[in-house]
Amino acid sequence: ESAAQRITVVGGCNVDLNFYLPKMPKVGETLNGHSFLESIGGKGSNQAAASAKLGAHVSMIGKIGNDSWGKLLKSSYESIHINTSSLIVTDESTTGVANILVDDEGHNCIVVIPGANSLLNKSEVEAQRKTIQESKVLVCGLEVPIEGTLTALRIAKEKNQQVTTILNTAPAQKNLDDEIWKLVDIVVANETELEILIPGIDLSKASDEDVKNAAQKLQEKGVKNVVITLGARGCMVVREKGEMTLVQAEKVQAVDSTGAGDCFVGSIAFCLAQGKDISSSCQFACKVAAISVTRKGAQQSFPTLKEVQHLLS
C-alpha cells in the first residue's frame, strides 16, 4: 500500500431503499411504482465507494447500528475493498436509512433517517488519529455531528501534517463554526448549498460571475479552493488567487442522478491522492460522474478505473 493512494472518509453510512415510479406522488396519493432496489448509500459512504472502485486504498470512519443493515453495509464495503476497521457499531440506534423516490425523468426525492450516524462523537474520531494522518486525502461531510468532522479536520491539519482536506457541504447547514473553513483545502458545494452557507445570496438566476463571487465569500473565511457543482453543466473551480475555470460535463442520457455528486467528490479525492492538480482532478471527476448517471442506483452505478478508461477511449 503506497501512502500516496490512501484516502480516509468521515461521513454517513446508510442503506438506501430505492423506489422507481412514473411520477412523484402528491400528498395522500398512492401510486404503483416500477421497481424496488435496496442499495448502500450515505454521502460519505458513496464518496468512499467511488474512490475505492477507482482503485484507491480507502478507510471509512462512520457509525452503524448492530442490525442486519449494519452487517449489509460492512460486507458491501469489504466487497469493494474499503477498510472497515474504523467503523464503529452501536446498540443505541439503528443503521441510517434513506427512502429514495426516483421518477421517470430521473429526478429524486429523499427522506433520510440518520440513526447511528448522528451518534459519531469526537473521541471516536480522535481514536482514528493514525488512520487520518497516514492518509494523503481526508474527505469530510456534514452528515455526522460537526464535532466529529471538526476533530478529523484538526487532526489532518496539525503541524507537519501533509493531508489534503476536502469538505463536501452536504447536507448544508447555516452558521457553521468559522474554524472549519480554515482547515479545508477544497470545499465542494452545489448552488443550493452555497445559498445556505452564505445567507442573503440568491443563485436561482445567477451568472457565472455571481457564482464565482459567492465562492470567494467562502475563500474570505479561509477556504483555499472552492468547487461548485453545476449539475449537467459541469462545475466551476475557483482557486486561491481567484482564478476561475469552468469544467464542462459530458452530454449523456441521464437515468438516475442519485449519488452523482458523491461520485464526483470521491473521484476528485482519488485524483488528488495520485498527486494531480485540482483542475485536472475536476475534469476527470466530471467524466466519472457522467458515467454514473447513465446507470441506476448510487454505488452500483460508479465505474471502475478500467471502465472509465474503456468508455473514454
Protein backbone atom coordinates (compact mmCIF):
# COMPACT_ATOMS: atom_id res chain seq x y z
CA GLU A 1 0.00 0.00 0.00
CA SER A 2 1.62 3.24 -1.07
CA ALA A 3 0.71 6.12 1.21
CA ALA A 4 0.14 8.14 -1.96
CA GLN A 5 -3.06 6.19 -2.51
CA ARG A 6 -4.61 6.41 0.94
CA ILE A 7 -7.90 8.21 1.45
CA THR A 8 -9.91 8.45 4.66
CA VAL A 9 -13.59 9.38 4.62
CA VAL A 10 -15.50 10.60 7.68
CA GLY A 11 -19.21 10.57 6.95
CA GLY A 12 -22.61 8.96 6.76
CA CYS A 13 -23.32 5.27 6.18
CA ASN A 14 -26.87 4.43 5.10
CA VAL A 15 -28.86 1.70 3.44
CA ASP A 16 -30.86 3.18 0.56
CA LEU A 17 -34.37 1.92 -0.22
CA ASN A 18 -34.93 2.99 -3.84
CA PHE A 19 -38.43 3.20 -5.30
CA TYR A 20 -38.68 3.74 -9.10
CA LEU A 21 -42.01 5.26 -10.12
CA PRO A 22 -43.61 7.12 -13.08
CA LYS A 23 -44.03 10.46 -11.24
CA MET A 24 -43.79 11.84 -7.72
CA PRO A 25 -46.93 11.18 -5.63
CA LYS A 26 -48.98 14.08 -4.33
CA VAL A 27 -49.93 14.24 -0.64
CA GLY A 28 -52.48 11.49 0.04
CA GLU A 29 -51.89 9.76 -3.31
CA THR A 30 -50.99 6.06 -3.63
CA LEU A 31 -49.04 5.12 -6.74
CA ASN A 32 -47.82 1.88 -8.24
CA GLY A 33 -44.10 2.03 -8.96
CA HIS A 34 -41.99 0.08 -11.47
CA SER A 35 -39.33 -1.50 -9.27
CA PHE A 36 -37.52 -1.55 -5.92
CA LEU A 37 -33.80 -1.67 -5.18
CA GLU A 38 -32.04 -1.97 -1.83
CA SER A 39 -28.57 -0.47 -2.03
CA ILE A 40 -25.76 1.03 0.03
CA GLY A 41 -25.78 4.80 0.47
CA GLY A 42 -24.93 7.74 2.68
CA LYS A 43 -22.88 10.56 1.17
CA GLY A 44 -19.65 9.65 2.95
CA SER A 45 -20.18 6.01 2.15
CA ASN A 46 -20.79 6.81 -1.56
CA GLN A 47 -17.68 9.00 -1.71
CA ALA A 48 -15.59 6.20 -0.19
CA ALA A 49 -17.05 3.72 -2.70
CA ALA A 50 -16.29 5.98 -5.68
CA SER A 51 -12.63 6.32 -4.63
CA ALA A 52 -12.31 2.60 -3.83
CA LYS A 53 -13.83 1.47 -7.13
CA LEU A 54 -11.29 3.65 -8.97
CA GLY A 55 -8.54 1.83 -7.06
CA ALA A 56 -7.63 3.96 -4.02
CA HIS A 57 -6.98 2.47 -0.56
CA VAL A 58 -9.93 3.85 1.42
CA SER A 59 -10.75 3.76 5.14
CA MET A 60 -14.30 4.63 6.23
CA ILE A 61 -14.83 6.29 9.63
CA GLY A 62 -18.53 6.14 10.50
CA LYS A 63 -21.10 4.63 12.82
CA ILE A 64 -23.59 1.86 12.09
CA GLY A 65 -26.24 0.01 14.09
CA ASN A 66 -25.89 -3.54 15.39
CA ASP A 67 -28.53 -4.76 12.93
CA SER A 68 -28.95 -6.50 9.57
CA TRP A 69 -28.48 -3.22 7.68
CA GLY A 70 -25.23 -2.54 9.51
CA LYS A 71 -23.98 -6.01 8.57
CA LEU A 72 -25.03 -5.41 4.95
CA LEU A 73 -23.07 -2.14 4.90
CA LYS A 74 -19.93 -3.72 6.33
CA SER A 75 -19.93 -6.66 3.91
CA SER A 76 -20.64 -4.33 0.96
CA TYR A 77 -17.66 -2.15 1.91
CA GLU A 78 -15.45 -5.20 2.22
CA SER A 79 -16.55 -6.45 -1.22
CA ILE A 80 -15.08 -3.29 -2.83
CA HIS A 81 -12.01 -3.33 -0.54
CA ILE A 82 -12.93 -0.43 1.76
CA ASN A 83 -11.14 -0.82 5.10
CA THR A 84 -13.87 -1.21 7.75
CA SER A 85 -11.64 -1.33 10.85
CA SER A 86 -12.62 2.29 11.59
CA LEU A 87 -16.37 1.60 11.50
CA ILE A 88 -17.99 1.84 14.92
CA VAL A 89 -21.00 -0.37 15.76
CA THR A 90 -23.57 0.85 18.30
CA ASP A 91 -26.56 -0.73 20.07
CA GLU A 92 -28.04 2.72 20.77
CA SER A 93 -29.61 3.29 17.36
CA THR A 94 -30.46 1.70 14.02
CA THR A 95 -28.20 1.96 10.99
CA GLY A 96 -29.04 5.06 8.93
CA VAL A 97 -31.62 4.52 6.19
CA ALA A 98 -32.76 6.62 3.23
CA ASN A 99 -36.03 6.29 1.34
CA ILE A 100 -35.41 7.43 -2.26
CA LEU A 101 -38.12 8.03 -4.85
CA VAL A 102 -36.89 8.25 -8.47
CA ASP A 103 -39.30 9.28 -11.24
CA ASP A 104 -39.15 8.57 -14.98
CA GLU A 105 -37.27 11.84 -15.58
CA GLY A 106 -34.50 10.67 -13.25
CA HIS A 107 -35.39 13.25 -10.56
CA ASN A 108 -35.33 12.15 -6.93
CA CYS A 109 -36.89 12.93 -3.53
CA ILE A 110 -35.13 11.60 -0.44
CA VAL A 111 -36.04 11.11 3.23
CA VAL A 112 -33.10 10.19 5.47
CA ILE A 113 -33.29 8.71 8.99
CA PRO A 114 -29.71 9.33 10.21
CA GLY A 115 -29.85 6.82 13.09
CA ALA A 116 -26.35 5.76 14.19
CA ASN A 117 -24.74 8.45 12.00
CA SER A 118 -25.86 11.13 14.43
CA LEU A 119 -24.06 9.39 17.33
CA LEU A 120 -20.50 9.56 15.92
CA ASN A 121 -18.58 11.51 18.56
CA LYS A 122 -15.35 13.43 18.96
CA SER A 123 -13.47 10.76 20.91
CA GLU A 124 -14.33 8.05 18.38
CA VAL A 125 -12.84 10.19 15.61
CA GLU A 126 -9.86 11.08 17.82
CA ALA A 127 -9.19 7.33 18.19
CA GLN A 128 -8.62 7.18 14.41
CA ARG A 129 -5.79 9.77 14.50
CA LYS A 130 -3.23 7.39 12.96
CA THR A 131 -5.55 6.43 10.08
CA ILE A 132 -6.23 10.11 9.29
CA GLN A 133 -2.60 11.22 9.49
CA GLU A 134 -1.38 8.36 7.30
CA SER A 135 -3.78 9.48 4.54
CA LYS A 136 -2.97 11.57 1.54
CA VAL A 137 -6.54 12.92 1.40
CA LEU A 138 -9.26 13.31 4.08
CA VAL A 139 -12.86 13.67 2.85
CA CYS A 140 -15.46 15.04 5.29
CA GLY A 141 -19.14 15.96 5.02
CA LEU A 142 -21.91 17.29 7.23
CA GLU A 143 -23.96 14.11 7.73
CA VAL A 144 -22.32 13.31 11.05
CA PRO A 145 -22.18 15.66 14.06
CA ILE A 146 -19.99 18.70 13.34
CA GLU A 147 -17.78 17.89 16.35
CA GLY A 148 -16.58 14.71 14.66
CA THR A 149 -15.92 16.46 11.33
CA LEU A 150 -14.03 19.30 13.04
CA THR A 151 -11.94 16.81 15.05
CA ALA A 152 -10.94 14.94 11.88
CA LEU A 153 -10.00 18.17 10.08
CA ARG A 154 -7.96 19.40 13.06
CA ILE A 155 -6.04 16.11 13.15
CA ALA A 156 -5.33 16.38 9.41
CA LYS A 157 -4.01 19.93 9.79
CA GLU A 158 -1.83 19.53 12.90
CA LYS A 159 1.74 20.79 12.45
CA ASN A 160 3.80 18.91 9.86
CA GLN A 161 0.74 17.10 8.51
CA GLN A 162 0.51 16.99 4.71
CA VAL A 163 -3.07 15.67 4.44
CA THR A 164 -5.20 17.38 1.76
CA THR A 165 -8.66 18.09 3.19
CA ILE A 166 -11.94 18.11 1.24
CA LEU A 167 -15.23 19.24 2.77
CA ASN A 168 -18.44 18.41 0.93
CA THR A 169 -21.00 20.79 2.44
CA ALA A 170 -23.96 18.40 2.24
CA PRO A 171 -26.41 18.42 3.84
CA ALA A 172 -25.73 22.18 4.09
CA GLN A 173 -26.09 23.91 7.45
CA LYS A 174 -26.40 27.53 8.48
CA ASN A 175 -23.97 29.10 10.97
CA LEU A 176 -21.14 26.59 10.73
CA ASP A 177 -18.24 27.20 13.11
CA ASP A 178 -15.87 29.53 11.21
CA GLU A 179 -12.88 27.45 12.34
CA ILE A 180 -13.91 24.75 9.87
CA TRP A 181 -13.15 26.90 6.80
CA LYS A 182 -9.53 27.49 7.79
CA LEU A 183 -8.93 23.72 7.98
CA VAL A 184 -10.21 22.96 4.48
CA ASP A 185 -8.18 22.89 1.27
CA ILE A 186 -11.14 22.27 -1.05
CA VAL A 187 -14.83 22.87 -0.45
CA VAL A 188 -17.20 21.08 -2.85
CA ALA A 189 -20.73 22.53 -2.85
CA ASN A 190 -23.67 22.87 -5.20
CA GLU A 191 -25.51 26.16 -5.78
CA THR A 192 -28.31 25.34 -3.31
CA GLU A 193 -25.78 24.56 -0.57
CA LEU A 194 -23.89 27.77 -1.35
CA GLU A 195 -27.08 29.78 -0.77
CA ILE A 196 -27.48 28.18 2.67
CA LEU A 197 -23.81 28.67 3.60
CA ILE A 198 -23.78 32.33 2.57
CA PRO A 199 -27.00 33.95 3.83
CA GLY A 200 -28.53 36.60 1.61
CA ILE A 201 -27.40 35.32 -1.78
CA ASP A 202 -29.78 34.04 -4.44
CA LEU A 203 -28.25 31.97 -7.22
CA SER A 204 -31.50 30.97 -8.94
CA LYS A 205 -30.78 33.26 -11.92
CA ALA A 206 -27.07 33.65 -11.29
CA SER A 207 -24.40 34.32 -13.89
CA ASP A 208 -21.04 32.55 -13.65
CA GLU A 209 -19.64 35.78 -12.19
CA ASP A 210 -22.27 35.68 -9.38
CA VAL A 211 -21.40 32.06 -8.59
CA LYS A 212 -17.69 32.94 -8.53
CA ASN A 213 -18.33 35.89 -6.17
CA ALA A 214 -20.29 33.60 -3.84
CA ALA A 215 -17.40 31.09 -3.84
CA GLN A 216 -14.99 33.90 -2.99
CA LYS A 217 -17.07 34.71 0.11
CA LEU A 218 -16.09 31.25 1.40
CA GLN A 219 -12.47 31.94 0.49
CA GLU A 220 -12.64 35.10 2.61
CA LYS A 221 -13.41 32.80 5.56
CA GLY A 222 -10.20 30.85 4.93
CA VAL A 223 -11.00 28.08 2.41
CA LYS A 224 -8.25 27.73 -0.20
CA ASN A 225 -10.21 26.35 -3.19
CA VAL A 226 -13.93 26.13 -3.93
CA VAL A 227 -15.53 23.76 -6.42
CA ILE A 228 -19.16 24.49 -7.28
CA THR A 229 -21.03 21.67 -8.99
CA LEU A 230 -23.45 22.87 -11.67
CA GLY A 231 -25.31 19.64 -12.46
CA ALA A 232 -25.48 18.86 -16.17
CA ARG A 233 -23.32 21.94 -16.92
CA GLY A 234 -20.28 20.54 -15.08
CA CYS A 235 -18.50 22.53 -12.38
CA MET A 236 -16.68 25.74 -11.57
CA VAL A 237 -13.26 25.70 -9.89
CA VAL A 238 -12.26 28.86 -8.01
CA ARG A 239 -8.63 28.61 -6.93
CA GLU A 240 -6.69 30.50 -4.28
CA LYS A 241 -5.89 33.63 -6.28
CA GLY A 242 -9.45 33.95 -7.54
CA GLU A 243 -8.60 32.13 -10.78
CA MET A 244 -11.75 30.56 -12.18
CA THR A 245 -12.08 27.56 -14.50
CA LEU A 246 -15.33 26.16 -15.89
CA VAL A 247 -15.23 22.41 -16.48
CA GLN A 248 -17.84 21.18 -18.95
CA ALA A 249 -19.73 17.96 -18.20
CA GLU A 250 -20.10 15.21 -20.80
CA LYS A 251 -23.50 15.17 -22.52
CA VAL A 252 -25.22 11.92 -21.50
CA GLN A 253 -28.71 10.44 -21.27
CA ALA A 254 -29.38 10.54 -17.50
CA VAL A 255 -31.22 7.55 -16.00
CA ASP A 256 -30.69 8.16 -12.28
CA SER A 257 -28.73 11.05 -10.77
CA THR A 258 -28.64 9.54 -7.24
CA GLY A 259 -25.10 9.66 -5.89
CA ALA A 260 -23.65 11.65 -8.81
CA GLY A 261 -22.38 14.44 -6.54
CA ASP A 262 -20.77 11.88 -4.22
CA CYS A 263 -19.20 10.08 -7.18
CA PHE A 264 -17.74 13.45 -8.21
CA VAL A 265 -16.24 14.09 -4.74
CA GLY A 266 -14.79 10.57 -4.46
CA SER A 267 -13.25 10.89 -7.93
CA ILE A 268 -11.61 14.22 -7.02
CA ALA A 269 -10.16 12.60 -3.88
CA PHE A 270 -8.81 9.71 -5.98
CA CYS A 271 -7.02 12.12 -8.37
CA LEU A 272 -5.63 14.34 -5.60
CA ALA A 273 -4.27 11.25 -3.83
CA GLN A 274 -2.44 10.50 -7.11
CA GLY A 275 -0.85 13.94 -6.99
CA LYS A 276 -2.95 15.60 -9.71
CA ASP A 277 -3.89 19.29 -9.50
CA ILE A 278 -7.39 20.46 -8.69
CA SER A 279 -8.48 21.43 -12.22
CA SER A 280 -7.48 18.15 -13.87
CA SER A 281 -8.99 16.28 -10.89
CA CYS A 282 -12.31 18.06 -11.53
CA GLN A 283 -12.17 17.29 -15.27
CA PHE A 284 -11.70 13.60 -14.55
CA ALA A 285 -14.40 13.67 -11.83
CA CYS A 286 -16.95 15.23 -14.23
CA LYS A 287 -16.35 12.34 -16.64
CA VAL A 288 -16.75 9.68 -13.92
CA ALA A 289 -19.93 11.31 -12.55
CA ALA A 290 -21.37 11.50 -16.09
CA ILE A 291 -20.93 7.73 -16.44
CA SER A 292 -22.65 7.16 -13.07
CA VAL A 293 -25.88 8.99 -14.03
CA THR A 294 -26.41 6.65 -17.00
CA ARG A 295 -26.96 3.73 -14.56
CA LYS A 296 -29.42 3.03 -11.74
CA GLY A 297 -28.58 3.31 -8.04
CA ALA A 298 -25.73 5.09 -6.30
CA GLN A 299 -22.71 2.89 -5.58
CA GLN A 300 -23.53 0.22 -8.14
CA SER A 301 -23.56 2.97 -10.79
CA PHE A 302 -19.97 4.08 -10.03
CA PRO A 303 -17.44 2.86 -12.60
CA THR A 304 -14.06 1.23 -12.01
CA LEU A 305 -10.94 2.85 -13.46
CA LYS A 306 -10.88 0.19 -16.22
CA GLU A 307 -14.47 1.07 -17.18
CA VAL A 308 -13.67 4.79 -17.21
CA GLN A 309 -10.63 4.27 -19.44
CA HIS A 310 -12.63 1.97 -21.72
CA LEU A 311 -15.61 4.35 -22.00
CA LEU A 312 -13.41 7.40 -22.61
CA SER A 313 -11.13 5.80 -25.17
